[in-house]
Amino acid sequence: MVDDETLPDGAFDNFRNDMSYGDYLKLDQLLSAQRPLSTEHNELLFIIQHQATELWMKLALAELMRARICIQLEDLSPAFKMMARVSRIMNNLIQSWDILSTLTPTEYSAFRESLARSSGFQSHQNRMLEFLFGNKSRVMLRPFAHQAEIHAKLTELLNSPSIYDEANRLLARRGFTLDTVIINRDWSAPYVANASVAAAWAEVYANTKQYWDLYELAEKLVDLEDYFRQWRFRHVTTVERVIGFKRGSGGTSGVDYLRKMVDVRLFPELWDIRTAL
C-alpha cells in the first residue's frame, strides 16, 4: 500500500496552469486517433497494432537517418549506438506480431471490408526504411503520387546512398580498392553484390584488430538485417495465419508477395563472406 509520505511533492497538484504528463505527450490527440469504422470489438486491436508500428518506425527512421550522416562524417561511435537502438526497435516490432496473431480469421473477416483498399503496403515510412536499407525501386513511388510532400521525401531517399552504400564508400575512403561502379553508382537502382566489396569486407574480418571500427560497423549492419528479416518473416506467418492466401487488402498478392520480400538480401557481401571465412 502506498502512503502519502512516499508520494513526490506536488503529485496531486492541480495542473490547470502547468504542463502535465498528458499535455507533454499530446495524449488527447494520441488516444483519440483510434476510430474503428465498424462495430466489431477486434478492430481496435488492428488499429492500435498498426499505429504503434508507425510510431516505432518514425523513431527507427530518425535514428537511421542520423546514423547515415555519422558514417558519412566517419563519426562511427554514435552511429553504432543509433544502429543498436534500431535493432532493439525491430525486435520490439517482431514481438508485436504475437499480439496481432491473436486475431482469428473469423474476427478479421468481420471488419475487413472497413479497410477498403487501405494496406500496410501503402505505409510511406515502411517504404522509407526499405530505401534506407537499399531495397530501391522507382515503381514503389507510385502509391504516393497523390501526396506531394511524402512523394518528395521518398524520391530524395530513392536517389540518395543507402546506409550500406555509405558504409562501402567509407571502405573506399579508408584505402580499400572498390570498383568505380560501386562508388559512383546510380543510387536509385537496386544494389547488386560486387566482388571488390566482398574482398574488402573479408579483409576487415580477417584483420579485426587493425580495422576494429569497420568490423563493428559490419556487425551492426548484420544485426539490422537479421532483425529486419525476422520482422518480415513474422509478418508473413501472421498474415497467413489470419487470412491464408487471400489477396491483400491493398491489391497485392498477400502472402506470396510477402514471402518474396523475406528472400530480399540487403547487405549481400556481409552474408556471403561468412561462407568464405
C-alpha atoms as a PDB file:
ATOM      1  CA  MET A   1       0.000   0.000   0.000  1.00  0.00           C
ATOM      2  CA  VAL A   2       1.314   3.471  -0.909  1.00  0.00           C
ATOM      3  CA  ASP A   3       1.041   6.099   1.805  1.00  0.00           C
ATOM      4  CA  ASP A   4       1.120   9.850   1.336  1.00  0.00           C
ATOM      5  CA  GLU A   5       4.712  10.129   2.563  1.00  0.00           C
ATOM      6  CA  THR A   6       6.037   8.038  -0.326  1.00  0.00           C
ATOM      7  CA  LEU A   7       4.485  10.264  -2.983  1.00  0.00           C
ATOM      8  CA  PRO A   8       6.544  13.082  -4.531  1.00  0.00           C
ATOM      9  CA  ASP A   9       5.722  16.637  -3.569  1.00  0.00           C
ATOM     10  CA  GLY A  10       3.037  18.080  -5.783  1.00  0.00           C
ATOM     11  CA  ALA A  11       1.882  14.683  -7.085  1.00  0.00           C
ATOM     12  CA  PHE A  12      -1.763  15.690  -6.763  1.00  0.00           C
ATOM     13  CA  ASP A  13      -1.458  19.386  -7.534  1.00  0.00           C
ATOM     14  CA  ASN A  14      -3.898  20.972  -9.943  1.00  0.00           C
ATOM     15  CA  PHE A  15      -2.118  21.325 -13.311  1.00  0.00           C
ATOM     16  CA  ARG A  16      -4.577  23.777 -14.801  1.00  0.00           C
ATOM     17  CA  ASN A  17      -1.814  26.344 -15.369  1.00  0.00           C
ATOM     18  CA  ASP A  18       1.126  23.958 -15.852  1.00  0.00           C
ATOM     19  CA  MET A  19       2.136  21.398 -18.409  1.00  0.00           C
ATOM     20  CA  SER A  20       1.083  17.893 -17.322  1.00  0.00           C
ATOM     21  CA  TYR A  21       2.119  14.428 -18.496  1.00  0.00           C
ATOM     22  CA  GLY A  22      -0.859  14.298 -20.832  1.00  0.00           C
ATOM     23  CA  ASP A  23      -0.082  17.749 -22.223  1.00  0.00           C
ATOM     24  CA  TYR A  24       3.537  16.848 -22.948  1.00  0.00           C
ATOM     25  CA  LEU A  25       2.614  13.632 -24.750  1.00  0.00           C
ATOM     26  CA  LYS A  26      -0.424  15.150 -26.506  1.00  0.00           C
ATOM     27  CA  LEU A  27      -2.493  12.260 -25.160  1.00  0.00           C
ATOM     28  CA  ASP A  28      -5.800  13.872 -26.119  1.00  0.00           C
ATOM     29  CA  GLN A  29      -4.790  13.687 -29.792  1.00  0.00           C
ATOM     30  CA  LEU A  30      -2.981  10.363 -29.495  1.00  0.00           C
ATOM     31  CA  LEU A  31      -5.741   8.458 -27.712  1.00  0.00           C
ATOM     32  CA  SER A  32      -8.495   9.905 -29.865  1.00  0.00           C
ATOM     33  CA  ALA A  33      -6.825   8.695 -33.078  1.00  0.00           C
ATOM     34  CA  GLN A  34      -8.275   5.183 -32.771  1.00  0.00           C
ATOM     35  CA  ARG A  35     -11.572   5.352 -34.623  1.00  0.00           C
ATOM     36  CA  PRO A  36     -12.907   1.967 -35.714  1.00  0.00           C
ATOM     37  CA  LEU A  37     -15.143   2.062 -38.781  1.00  0.00           C
ATOM     38  CA  SER A  38     -17.131  -0.997 -37.765  1.00  0.00           C
ATOM     39  CA  THR A  39     -18.863  -2.106 -34.588  1.00  0.00           C
ATOM     40  CA  GLU A  40     -16.544  -5.101 -34.259  1.00  0.00           C
ATOM     41  CA  HIS A  41     -14.645  -5.320 -30.961  1.00  0.00           C
ATOM     42  CA  ASN A  42     -11.447  -6.629 -32.595  1.00  0.00           C
ATOM     43  CA  GLU A  43     -10.928  -3.717 -34.966  1.00  0.00           C
ATOM     44  CA  LEU A  44      -9.392  -1.676 -32.140  1.00  0.00           C
ATOM     45  CA  LEU A  45      -6.564  -4.205 -31.849  1.00  0.00           C
ATOM     46  CA  PHE A  46      -5.863  -3.939 -35.568  1.00  0.00           C
ATOM     47  CA  ILE A  47      -5.737  -0.133 -35.480  1.00  0.00           C
ATOM     48  CA  ILE A  48      -3.545   0.138 -32.380  1.00  0.00           C
ATOM     49  CA  GLN A  49      -1.124  -2.510 -33.677  1.00  0.00           C
ATOM     50  CA  HIS A  50      -0.510  -0.564 -36.874  1.00  0.00           C
ATOM     51  CA  GLN A  51      -0.443   2.880 -35.278  1.00  0.00           C
ATOM     52  CA  ALA A  52       2.129   1.694 -32.720  1.00  0.00           C
ATOM     53  CA  THR A  53       4.206   0.199 -35.536  1.00  0.00           C
ATOM     54  CA  GLU A  54       4.183   3.534 -37.365  1.00  0.00           C
ATOM     55  CA  LEU A  55       5.382   5.325 -34.217  1.00  0.00           C
ATOM     56  CA  TRP A  56       8.269   2.900 -33.771  1.00  0.00           C
ATOM     57  CA  MET A  57       9.154   3.224 -37.464  1.00  0.00           C
ATOM     58  CA  LYS A  58       9.234   7.005 -37.037  1.00  0.00           C
ATOM     59  CA  LEU A  59      11.904   6.592 -34.354  1.00  0.00           C
ATOM     60  CA  ALA A  60      13.802   3.989 -36.387  1.00  0.00           C
ATOM     61  CA  LEU A  61      13.913   6.361 -39.364  1.00  0.00           C
ATOM     62  CA  ALA A  62      15.197   9.238 -37.245  1.00  0.00           C
ATOM     63  CA  GLU A  63      17.963   7.020 -35.845  1.00  0.00           C
ATOM     64  CA  LEU A  64      18.965   5.573 -39.216  1.00  0.00           C
ATOM     65  CA  MET A  65      18.996   8.941 -40.971  1.00  0.00           C
ATOM     66  CA  ARG A  66      21.326  10.312 -38.317  1.00  0.00           C
ATOM     67  CA  ALA A  67      23.467   7.161 -38.323  1.00  0.00           C
ATOM     68  CA  ARG A  68      23.920   7.508 -42.082  1.00  0.00           C
ATOM     69  CA  ILE A  69      25.187  11.066 -41.599  1.00  0.00           C
ATOM     70  CA  CYS A  70      27.592   9.885 -38.888  1.00  0.00           C
ATOM     71  CA  ILE A  71      29.002   7.263 -41.251  1.00  0.00           C
ATOM     72  CA  GLN A  72      29.474   9.957 -43.893  1.00  0.00           C
ATOM     73  CA  LEU A  73      31.383  12.023 -41.313  1.00  0.00           C
ATOM     74  CA  GLU A  74      33.347   8.966 -40.105  1.00  0.00           C
ATOM     75  CA  ASP A  75      31.954   9.541 -36.616  1.00  0.00           C
ATOM     76  CA  LEU A  76      31.189   5.887 -36.070  1.00  0.00           C
ATOM     77  CA  SER A  77      30.665   5.552 -32.307  1.00  0.00           C
ATOM     78  CA  PRO A  78      27.354   7.487 -32.287  1.00  0.00           C
ATOM     79  CA  ALA A  79      26.294   5.577 -35.407  1.00  0.00           C
ATOM     80  CA  PHE A  80      26.830   2.284 -33.585  1.00  0.00           C
ATOM     81  CA  LYS A  81      24.580   3.409 -30.720  1.00  0.00           C
ATOM     82  CA  MET A  82      21.838   4.505 -33.119  1.00  0.00           C
ATOM     83  CA  MET A  83      22.005   1.305 -35.163  1.00  0.00           C
ATOM     84  CA  ALA A  84      21.884  -0.792 -31.994  1.00  0.00           C
ATOM     85  CA  ARG A  85      18.789   1.146 -30.924  1.00  0.00           C
ATOM     86  CA  VAL A  86      17.113   0.425 -34.262  1.00  0.00           C
ATOM     87  CA  SER A  87      17.851  -3.279 -33.811  1.00  0.00           C
ATOM     88  CA  ARG A  88      16.064  -3.113 -30.442  1.00  0.00           C
ATOM     89  CA  ILE A  89      13.145  -1.331 -32.110  1.00  0.00           C
ATOM     90  CA  MET A  90      12.955  -4.046 -34.746  1.00  0.00           C
ATOM     91  CA  ASN A  91      12.987  -6.716 -32.044  1.00  0.00           C
ATOM     92  CA  ASN A  92      10.073  -4.947 -30.366  1.00  0.00           C
ATOM     93  CA  LEU A  93       8.188  -4.900 -33.670  1.00  0.00           C
ATOM     94  CA  ILE A  94       8.868  -8.608 -34.148  1.00  0.00           C
ATOM     95  CA  GLN A  95       7.302  -9.367 -30.766  1.00  0.00           C
ATOM     96  CA  SER A  96       4.288  -7.193 -31.559  1.00  0.00           C
ATOM     97  CA  TRP A  97       3.166  -9.696 -34.216  1.00  0.00           C
ATOM     98  CA  ASP A  98       2.382 -12.052 -31.323  1.00  0.00           C
ATOM     99  CA  ILE A  99      -0.423  -9.717 -30.289  1.00  0.00           C
ATOM    100  CA  LEU A 100      -1.905  -9.352 -33.762  1.00  0.00           C
ATOM    101  CA  SER A 101      -1.762 -13.120 -34.265  1.00  0.00           C
ATOM    102  CA  THR A 102      -4.451 -13.473 -31.589  1.00  0.00           C
ATOM    103  CA  LEU A 103      -6.825 -12.137 -34.273  1.00  0.00           C
ATOM    104  CA  THR A 104      -8.593 -15.124 -35.833  1.00  0.00           C
ATOM    105  CA  PRO A 105      -9.718 -15.328 -39.485  1.00  0.00           C
ATOM    106  CA  THR A 106     -13.353 -15.017 -38.421  1.00  0.00           C
ATOM    107  CA  GLU A 107     -12.674 -11.960 -36.288  1.00  0.00           C
ATOM    108  CA  TYR A 108     -10.696 -10.203 -39.023  1.00  0.00           C
ATOM    109  CA  SER A 109     -13.229 -11.016 -41.726  1.00  0.00           C
ATOM    110  CA  ALA A 110     -15.916  -9.353 -39.636  1.00  0.00           C
ATOM    111  CA  PHE A 111     -14.367  -5.882 -40.153  1.00  0.00           C
ATOM    112  CA  ARG A 112     -12.049  -6.338 -43.146  1.00  0.00           C
ATOM    113  CA  GLU A 113     -14.395  -4.548 -45.541  1.00  0.00           C
ATOM    114  CA  SER A 114     -13.991  -1.401 -43.420  1.00  0.00           C
ATOM    115  CA  LEU A 115     -10.380  -1.177 -44.602  1.00  0.00           C
ATOM    116  CA  ALA A 116     -11.484  -0.733 -48.229  1.00  0.00           C
ATOM    117  CA  ARG A 117      -8.212  -0.586 -50.242  1.00  0.00           C
ATOM    118  CA  SER A 118      -6.006   0.593 -47.377  1.00  0.00           C
ATOM    119  CA  SER A 119      -2.986  -1.615 -46.754  1.00  0.00           C
ATOM    120  CA  GLY A 120       0.363  -1.655 -44.983  1.00  0.00           C
ATOM    121  CA  PHE A 121       1.819  -1.718 -48.494  1.00  0.00           C
ATOM    122  CA  GLN A 122       0.895   1.991 -48.587  1.00  0.00           C
ATOM    123  CA  SER A 123       2.948   2.849 -45.484  1.00  0.00           C
ATOM    124  CA  HIS A 124       5.384   5.528 -46.617  1.00  0.00           C
ATOM    125  CA  GLN A 125       7.517   5.026 -43.504  1.00  0.00           C
ATOM    126  CA  ASN A 126       7.922   1.345 -44.285  1.00  0.00           C
ATOM    127  CA  ARG A 127       8.977   2.325 -47.804  1.00  0.00           C
ATOM    128  CA  MET A 128      11.449   4.858 -46.390  1.00  0.00           C
ATOM    129  CA  LEU A 129      13.002   2.111 -44.258  1.00  0.00           C
ATOM    130  CA  GLU A 130      13.322  -0.133 -47.303  1.00  0.00           C
ATOM    131  CA  PHE A 131      15.013   2.666 -49.267  1.00  0.00           C
ATOM    132  CA  LEU A 132      17.385   3.493 -46.400  1.00  0.00           C
ATOM    133  CA  PHE A 133      18.382  -0.177 -46.246  1.00  0.00           C
ATOM    134  CA  GLY A 134      18.937  -0.181 -50.018  1.00  0.00           C
ATOM    135  CA  ASN A 135      15.886  -2.038 -51.328  1.00  0.00           C
ATOM    136  CA  LYS A 136      15.273   0.533 -54.060  1.00  0.00           C
ATOM    137  CA  SER A 137      12.517   0.523 -56.689  1.00  0.00           C
ATOM    138  CA  ARG A 138      11.182   3.549 -58.544  1.00  0.00           C
ATOM    139  CA  VAL A 139       7.839   1.844 -59.124  1.00  0.00           C
ATOM    140  CA  MET A 140       7.282   1.917 -55.368  1.00  0.00           C
ATOM    141  CA  LEU A 141       6.807   5.689 -55.581  1.00  0.00           C
ATOM    142  CA  ARG A 142       3.515   5.265 -57.458  1.00  0.00           C
ATOM    143  CA  PRO A 143       1.222   4.675 -54.454  1.00  0.00           C
ATOM    144  CA  PHE A 144       2.314   8.084 -53.113  1.00  0.00           C
ATOM    145  CA  ALA A 145       1.959  10.151 -56.306  1.00  0.00           C
ATOM    146  CA  HIS A 146      -1.056  11.983 -54.863  1.00  0.00           C
ATOM    147  CA  GLN A 147       0.864  13.030 -51.713  1.00  0.00           C
ATOM    148  CA  ALA A 148       3.383  15.610 -52.890  1.00  0.00           C
ATOM    149  CA  GLU A 149       5.348  16.020 -49.664  1.00  0.00           C
ATOM    150  CA  ILE A 150       5.645  12.297 -48.999  1.00  0.00           C
ATOM    151  CA  HIS A 151       6.463  11.603 -52.647  1.00  0.00           C
ATOM    152  CA  ALA A 152       9.275  14.171 -52.488  1.00  0.00           C
ATOM    153  CA  LYS A 153      10.773  12.592 -49.345  1.00  0.00           C
ATOM    154  CA  LEU A 154      10.693   9.155 -50.893  1.00  0.00           C
ATOM    155  CA  THR A 155      12.200  10.421 -54.146  1.00  0.00           C
ATOM    156  CA  GLU A 156      15.049  12.016 -52.218  1.00  0.00           C
ATOM    157  CA  LEU A 157      15.761   8.749 -50.393  1.00  0.00           C
ATOM    158  CA  LEU A 158      15.489   6.769 -53.624  1.00  0.00           C
ATOM    159  CA  ASN A 159      18.166   8.950 -55.229  1.00  0.00           C
ATOM    160  CA  SER A 160      20.450   9.008 -52.178  1.00  0.00           C
ATOM    161  CA  PRO A 161      23.005   6.452 -50.969  1.00  0.00           C
ATOM    162  CA  SER A 162      21.609   3.855 -48.600  1.00  0.00           C
ATOM    163  CA  ILE A 163      23.244   3.233 -45.243  1.00  0.00           C
ATOM    164  CA  TYR A 164      25.087   0.299 -46.846  1.00  0.00           C
ATOM    165  CA  ASP A 165      26.229   2.466 -49.749  1.00  0.00           C
ATOM    166  CA  GLU A 166      27.705   4.867 -47.201  1.00  0.00           C
ATOM    167  CA  ALA A 167      29.468   2.003 -45.425  1.00  0.00           C
ATOM    168  CA  ASN A 168      31.007   0.899 -48.726  1.00  0.00           C
ATOM    169  CA  ARG A 169      32.048   4.455 -49.565  1.00  0.00           C
ATOM    170  CA  LEU A 170      33.749   4.575 -46.172  1.00  0.00           C
ATOM    171  CA  LEU A 171      35.728   1.454 -47.112  1.00  0.00           C
ATOM    172  CA  ALA A 172      36.984   3.292 -50.205  1.00  0.00           C
ATOM    173  CA  ARG A 173      37.995   6.339 -48.164  1.00  0.00           C
ATOM    174  CA  ARG A 174      39.912   4.048 -45.810  1.00  0.00           C
ATOM    175  CA  GLY A 175      42.023   2.795 -48.711  1.00  0.00           C
ATOM    176  CA  PHE A 176      40.224  -0.340 -49.871  1.00  0.00           C
ATOM    177  CA  THR A 177      40.056  -0.735 -53.630  1.00  0.00           C
ATOM    178  CA  LEU A 178      36.442  -0.840 -54.763  1.00  0.00           C
ATOM    179  CA  ASP A 179      35.136  -0.863 -58.309  1.00  0.00           C
ATOM    180  CA  THR A 180      34.101   2.543 -59.615  1.00  0.00           C
ATOM    181  CA  VAL A 181      30.621   1.199 -60.279  1.00  0.00           C
ATOM    182  CA  ILE A 182      30.161   0.884 -56.510  1.00  0.00           C
ATOM    183  CA  ILE A 183      31.447   4.327 -55.541  1.00  0.00           C
ATOM    184  CA  ASN A 184      29.624   6.256 -58.259  1.00  0.00           C
ATOM    185  CA  ARG A 185      26.649   4.039 -58.957  1.00  0.00           C
ATOM    186  CA  ASP A 186      23.059   5.032 -59.651  1.00  0.00           C
ATOM    187  CA  TRP A 187      21.749   5.205 -56.068  1.00  0.00           C
ATOM    188  CA  SER A 188      18.163   4.686 -57.241  1.00  0.00           C
ATOM    189  CA  ALA A 189      18.982   1.258 -58.670  1.00  0.00           C
ATOM    190  CA  PRO A 190      18.801  -1.935 -56.599  1.00  0.00           C
ATOM    191  CA  TYR A 191      22.149  -2.857 -55.091  1.00  0.00           C
ATOM    192  CA  VAL A 192      23.981  -5.735 -56.786  1.00  0.00           C
ATOM    193  CA  ALA A 193      26.636  -7.736 -54.945  1.00  0.00           C
ATOM    194  CA  ASN A 194      30.177  -6.899 -56.030  1.00  0.00           C
ATOM    195  CA  ALA A 195      33.389  -8.921 -55.740  1.00  0.00           C
ATOM    196  CA  SER A 196      35.543  -5.926 -54.763  1.00  0.00           C
ATOM    197  CA  VAL A 197      33.190  -5.108 -51.875  1.00  0.00           C
ATOM    198  CA  ALA A 198      33.242  -8.736 -50.735  1.00  0.00           C
ATOM    199  CA  ALA A 199      37.035  -8.731 -50.810  1.00  0.00           C
ATOM    200  CA  ALA A 200      37.194  -5.522 -48.765  1.00  0.00           C
ATOM    201  CA  TRP A 201      34.841  -6.766 -46.048  1.00  0.00           C
ATOM    202  CA  ALA A 202      36.662 -10.120 -45.992  1.00  0.00           C
ATOM    203  CA  GLU A 203      39.906  -8.271 -45.250  1.00  0.00           C
ATOM    204  CA  VAL A 204      38.175  -6.362 -42.438  1.00  0.00           C
ATOM    205  CA  TYR A 205      37.005  -9.626 -40.871  1.00  0.00           C
ATOM    206  CA  ALA A 206      40.394 -11.239 -41.323  1.00  0.00           C
ATOM    207  CA  ASN A 207      42.150  -8.335 -39.566  1.00  0.00           C
ATOM    208  CA  THR A 208      39.702  -7.231 -36.897  1.00  0.00           C
ATOM    209  CA  LYS A 209      42.289  -5.571 -34.646  1.00  0.00           C
ATOM    210  CA  GLN A 210      43.502  -3.361 -37.475  1.00  0.00           C
ATOM    211  CA  TYR A 211      40.009  -2.470 -38.669  1.00  0.00           C
ATOM    212  CA  TRP A 212      38.009  -2.752 -35.447  1.00  0.00           C
ATOM    213  CA  ASP A 213      35.629   0.145 -36.122  1.00  0.00           C
ATOM    214  CA  LEU A 214      34.852  -1.146 -39.625  1.00  0.00           C
ATOM    215  CA  TYR A 215      34.398  -4.642 -38.189  1.00  0.00           C
ATOM    216  CA  GLU A 216      31.932  -3.271 -35.642  1.00  0.00           C
ATOM    217  CA  LEU A 217      30.135  -1.342 -38.378  1.00  0.00           C
ATOM    218  CA  ALA A 218      29.742  -4.546 -40.382  1.00  0.00           C
ATOM    219  CA  GLU A 219      28.331  -6.418 -37.400  1.00  0.00           C
ATOM    220  CA  LYS A 220      25.877  -3.604 -36.633  1.00  0.00           C
ATOM    221  CA  LEU A 221      24.672  -3.815 -40.240  1.00  0.00           C
ATOM    222  CA  VAL A 222      24.283  -7.585 -39.969  1.00  0.00           C
ATOM    223  CA  ASP A 223      22.294  -7.119 -36.757  1.00  0.00           C
ATOM    224  CA  LEU A 224      19.953  -4.718 -38.542  1.00  0.00           C
ATOM    225  CA  GLU A 225      19.334  -7.035 -41.447  1.00  0.00           C
ATOM    226  CA  ASP A 226      18.915 -10.037 -39.161  1.00  0.00           C
ATOM    227  CA  TYR A 227      16.152  -8.305 -37.196  1.00  0.00           C
ATOM    228  CA  PHE A 228      14.612  -6.872 -40.361  1.00  0.00           C
ATOM    229  CA  ARG A 229      14.399 -10.346 -41.895  1.00  0.00           C
ATOM    230  CA  GLN A 230      12.796 -11.713 -38.738  1.00  0.00           C
ATOM    231  CA  TRP A 231      10.256  -8.885 -38.814  1.00  0.00           C
ATOM    232  CA  ARG A 232       9.382  -9.727 -42.417  1.00  0.00           C
ATOM    233  CA  PHE A 233       9.098 -13.424 -41.601  1.00  0.00           C
ATOM    234  CA  ARG A 234       6.751 -12.831 -38.668  1.00  0.00           C
ATOM    235  CA  HIS A 235       4.712 -10.568 -40.943  1.00  0.00           C
ATOM    236  CA  VAL A 236       4.306 -13.427 -43.419  1.00  0.00           C
ATOM    237  CA  THR A 237       3.346 -16.000 -40.816  1.00  0.00           C
ATOM    238  CA  THR A 238       0.883 -13.661 -39.106  1.00  0.00           C
ATOM    239  CA  VAL A 239      -0.820 -12.736 -42.376  1.00  0.00           C
ATOM    240  CA  GLU A 240      -1.041 -16.394 -43.423  1.00  0.00           C
ATOM    241  CA  ARG A 241      -2.466 -17.270 -40.019  1.00  0.00           C
ATOM    242  CA  VAL A 242      -5.157 -14.577 -40.258  1.00  0.00           C
ATOM    243  CA  ILE A 243      -6.148 -14.536 -43.971  1.00  0.00           C
ATOM    244  CA  GLY A 244      -4.417 -17.539 -45.516  1.00  0.00           C
ATOM    245  CA  PHE A 245      -3.644 -16.974 -49.197  1.00  0.00           C
ATOM    246  CA  LYS A 246      -6.340 -14.384 -49.883  1.00  0.00           C
ATOM    247  CA  ARG A 247      -5.270 -11.247 -51.746  1.00  0.00           C
ATOM    248  CA  GLY A 248      -4.017  -8.363 -49.632  1.00  0.00           C
ATOM    249  CA  SER A 249      -6.433  -5.519 -48.935  1.00  0.00           C
ATOM    250  CA  GLY A 250      -4.342  -3.095 -50.998  1.00  0.00           C
ATOM    251  CA  GLY A 251      -4.388  -5.317 -54.079  1.00  0.00           C
ATOM    252  CA  THR A 252      -1.102  -7.170 -53.509  1.00  0.00           C
ATOM    253  CA  SER A 253      -0.893 -10.948 -53.763  1.00  0.00           C
ATOM    254  CA  GLY A 254      -0.753 -11.126 -49.971  1.00  0.00           C
ATOM    255  CA  VAL A 255       1.353 -13.947 -48.560  1.00  0.00           C
ATOM    256  CA  ASP A 256       3.041 -14.691 -51.909  1.00  0.00           C
ATOM    257  CA  TYR A 257       4.320 -11.102 -52.132  1.00  0.00           C
ATOM    258  CA  LEU A 258       5.466 -11.076 -48.506  1.00  0.00           C
ATOM    259  CA  ARG A 259       7.366 -14.338 -48.944  1.00  0.00           C
ATOM    260  CA  LYS A 260       9.318 -12.820 -51.819  1.00  0.00           C
ATOM    261  CA  MET A 261      10.276  -9.916 -49.545  1.00  0.00           C
ATOM    262  CA  VAL A 262      11.675 -12.348 -46.969  1.00  0.00           C
ATOM    263  CA  ASP A 263      14.177 -13.523 -49.592  1.00  0.00           C
ATOM    264  CA  VAL A 264      15.446  -9.996 -50.364  1.00  0.00           C
ATOM    265  CA  ARG A 265      19.026  -9.572 -49.136  1.00  0.00           C
ATOM    266  CA  LEU A 266      20.069  -6.043 -48.196  1.00  0.00           C
ATOM    267  CA  PHE A 267      23.802  -6.356 -47.448  1.00  0.00           C
ATOM    268  CA  PRO A 268      24.741  -9.433 -49.506  1.00  0.00           C
ATOM    269  CA  GLU A 269      28.543  -9.348 -49.162  1.00  0.00           C
ATOM    270  CA  LEU A 270      28.334  -9.312 -45.360  1.00  0.00           C
ATOM    271  CA  TRP A 271      26.457 -12.608 -45.522  1.00  0.00           C
ATOM    272  CA  ASP A 272      28.417 -14.178 -48.395  1.00  0.00           C
ATOM    273  CA  ILE A 273      31.809 -13.736 -46.734  1.00  0.00           C
ATOM    274  CA  ARG A 274      30.712 -15.903 -43.807  1.00  0.00           C
ATOM    275  CA  THR A 275      30.985 -18.917 -46.059  1.00  0.00           C
ATOM    276  CA  ALA A 276      34.434 -17.899 -47.270  1.00  0.00           C
ATOM    277  CA  LEU A 277      35.988 -17.008 -43.904  1.00  0.00           C
END
